[in-house]
Amino acid sequence: MKELVEFMAKAMVDNPEQVKVTEIAGSDTLVIEVNVAKEDMGQIIGKKGRNAQAMRLIVNAASAKLRKRVILEIIDQ
């Protein structure tokens, strides 16, 4: 799951080397934190949050096989 989010995030931003993805696993929940540069926040979030929502939709669809709830958080550096 981490690799999927990292691939999507790096494809959207101008500074892909500053994208850092961390994965925090719980018993039935998985939290994925995406750290991007401050100037790339707008590109990750998108207009009215559409890019962020699309990333969350893809991650939730991919997590159906794991039978875990996945939370995607976008954090600026």
C-alpha atoms as a PDB file:
ATOM      1  CA  MET A   1       0.000   0.000   0.000  1.00  0.00           C
ATOM      2  CA  LYS A   2       2.883   2.337   0.821  1.00  0.00           C
ATOM      3  CA  GLU A   3       4.396   1.867  -2.629  1.00  0.00           C
ATOM      4  CA  LEU A   4       1.083   2.659  -4.328  1.00  0.00           C
ATOM      5  CA  VAL A   5       0.659   5.937  -2.454  1.00  0.00           C
ATOM      6  CA  GLU A   6       4.293   6.889  -3.010  1.00  0.00           C
ATOM      7  CA  PHE A   7       3.970   6.261  -6.761  1.00  0.00           C
ATOM      8  CA  MET A   8       0.824   8.405  -7.029  1.00  0.00           C
ATOM      9  CA  ALA A   9       2.255  11.241  -4.931  1.00  0.00           C
ATOM     10  CA  LYS A  10       5.549  11.394  -6.817  1.00  0.00           C
ATOM     11  CA  ALA A  11       3.698  11.544 -10.140  1.00  0.00           C
ATOM     12  CA  MET A  12       1.729  14.629  -9.026  1.00  0.00           C
ATOM     13  CA  VAL A  13       4.395  16.901  -7.533  1.00  0.00           C
ATOM     14  CA  ASP A  14       7.224  19.034  -8.913  1.00  0.00           C
ATOM     15  CA  ASN A  15       9.707  17.817  -6.256  1.00  0.00           C
ATOM     16  CA  PRO A  16       9.310  14.019  -6.150  1.00  0.00           C
ATOM     17  CA  GLU A  17      12.513  13.609  -4.123  1.00  0.00           C
ATOM     18  CA  GLN A  18      10.847  15.378  -1.167  1.00  0.00           C
ATOM     19  CA  VAL A  19       7.907  12.966  -0.974  1.00  0.00           C
ATOM     20  CA  LYS A  20       8.049  10.750   2.098  1.00  0.00           C
ATOM     21  CA  VAL A  21       5.443   8.101   2.854  1.00  0.00           C
ATOM     22  CA  THR A  22       5.172   6.400   6.224  1.00  0.00           C
ATOM     23  CA  GLU A  23       2.896   3.535   7.154  1.00  0.00           C
ATOM     24  CA  ILE A  24       1.544   2.991  10.667  1.00  0.00           C
ATOM     25  CA  ALA A  25      -0.159  -0.355  11.126  1.00  0.00           C
ATOM     26  CA  GLY A  26      -2.753  -1.102  13.764  1.00  0.00           C
ATOM     27  CA  SER A  27      -4.828  -4.189  14.422  1.00  0.00           C
ATOM     28  CA  ASP A  28      -7.504  -3.402  11.846  1.00  0.00           C
ATOM     29  CA  THR A  29      -6.504   0.090  10.716  1.00  0.00           C
ATOM     30  CA  LEU A  30      -3.644   1.275   8.535  1.00  0.00           C
ATOM     31  CA  VAL A  31      -2.602   4.941   8.587  1.00  0.00           C
ATOM     32  CA  ILE A  32      -0.564   6.213   5.653  1.00  0.00           C
ATOM     33  CA  GLU A  33       1.063   9.620   6.055  1.00  0.00           C
ATOM     34  CA  VAL A  34       2.282  11.505   2.993  1.00  0.00           C
ATOM     35  CA  ASN A  35       4.802  14.287   3.589  1.00  0.00           C
ATOM     36  CA  VAL A  36       5.334  16.701   0.692  1.00  0.00           C
ATOM     37  CA  ALA A  37       7.092  20.015   0.261  1.00  0.00           C
ATOM     38  CA  LYS A  38       5.099  23.117   1.132  1.00  0.00           C
ATOM     39  CA  GLU A  39       5.004  24.296  -2.495  1.00  0.00           C
ATOM     40  CA  ASP A  40       3.549  20.944  -3.610  1.00  0.00           C
ATOM     41  CA  MET A  41       0.604  20.899  -1.187  1.00  0.00           C
ATOM     42  CA  GLY A  42      -1.754  22.433  -3.730  1.00  0.00           C
ATOM     43  CA  GLN A  43      -0.935  19.820  -6.343  1.00  0.00           C
ATOM     44  CA  ILE A  44      -1.484  16.920  -3.949  1.00  0.00           C
ATOM     45  CA  ILE A  45      -4.760  18.282  -2.597  1.00  0.00           C
ATOM     46  CA  GLY A  46      -6.070  19.558  -5.936  1.00  0.00           C
ATOM     47  CA  LYS A  47      -9.002  21.851  -6.614  1.00  0.00           C
ATOM     48  CA  LYS A  48     -11.627  21.402  -3.904  1.00  0.00           C
ATOM     49  CA  GLY A  49      -9.661  18.379  -2.649  1.00  0.00           C
ATOM     50  CA  ARG A  50     -10.337  16.271  -5.715  1.00  0.00           C
ATOM     51  CA  ASN A  51      -6.811  14.812  -6.043  1.00  0.00           C
ATOM     52  CA  ALA A  52      -6.683  13.891  -2.357  1.00  0.00           C
ATOM     53  CA  GLN A  53     -10.146  12.348  -2.546  1.00  0.00           C
ATOM     54  CA  ALA A  54      -9.189  10.354  -5.643  1.00  0.00           C
ATOM     55  CA  MET A  55      -6.076   9.027  -3.897  1.00  0.00           C
ATOM     56  CA  ARG A  56      -8.186   8.021  -0.890  1.00  0.00           C
ATOM     57  CA  LEU A  57     -10.671   6.245  -3.172  1.00  0.00           C
ATOM     58  CA  ILE A  58      -7.927   4.241  -4.905  1.00  0.00           C
ATOM     59  CA  VAL A  59      -6.294   3.314  -1.587  1.00  0.00           C
ATOM     60  CA  ASN A  60      -9.616   2.213  -0.097  1.00  0.00           C
ATOM     61  CA  ALA A  61     -10.352   0.073  -3.148  1.00  0.00           C
ATOM     62  CA  ALA A  62      -6.913  -1.531  -2.960  1.00  0.00           C
ATOM     63  CA  SER A  63      -7.254  -2.149   0.785  1.00  0.00           C
ATOM     64  CA  ALA A  64     -10.397  -4.240   0.324  1.00  0.00           C
ATOM     65  CA  LYS A  65      -8.197  -7.312  -0.147  1.00  0.00           C
ATOM     66  CA  LEU A  66      -6.419  -6.620   3.145  1.00  0.00           C
ATOM     67  CA  ARG A  67      -9.738  -6.227   4.967  1.00  0.00           C
ATOM     68  CA  LYS A  68      -8.333  -3.237   6.803  1.00  0.00           C
ATOM     69  CA  ARG A  69      -9.489   0.356   7.044  1.00  0.00           C
ATOM     70  CA  VAL A  70      -6.954   2.709   5.493  1.00  0.00           C
ATOM     71  CA  ILE A  71      -6.620   6.369   6.447  1.00  0.00           C
ATOM     72  CA  LEU A  72      -4.599   8.632   4.136  1.00  0.00           C
ATOM     73  CA  GLU A  73      -3.206  11.776   5.749  1.00  0.00           C
ATOM     74  CA  ILE A  74      -1.389  14.507   3.819  1.00  0.00           C
ATOM     75  CA  ILE A  75       1.176  16.419   5.874  1.00  0.00           C
ATOM     76  CA  ASP A  76       3.285  19.369   4.770  1.00  0.00           C
ATOM     77  CA  GLN A  77       6.923  19.713   5.809  1.00  0.00           C
END
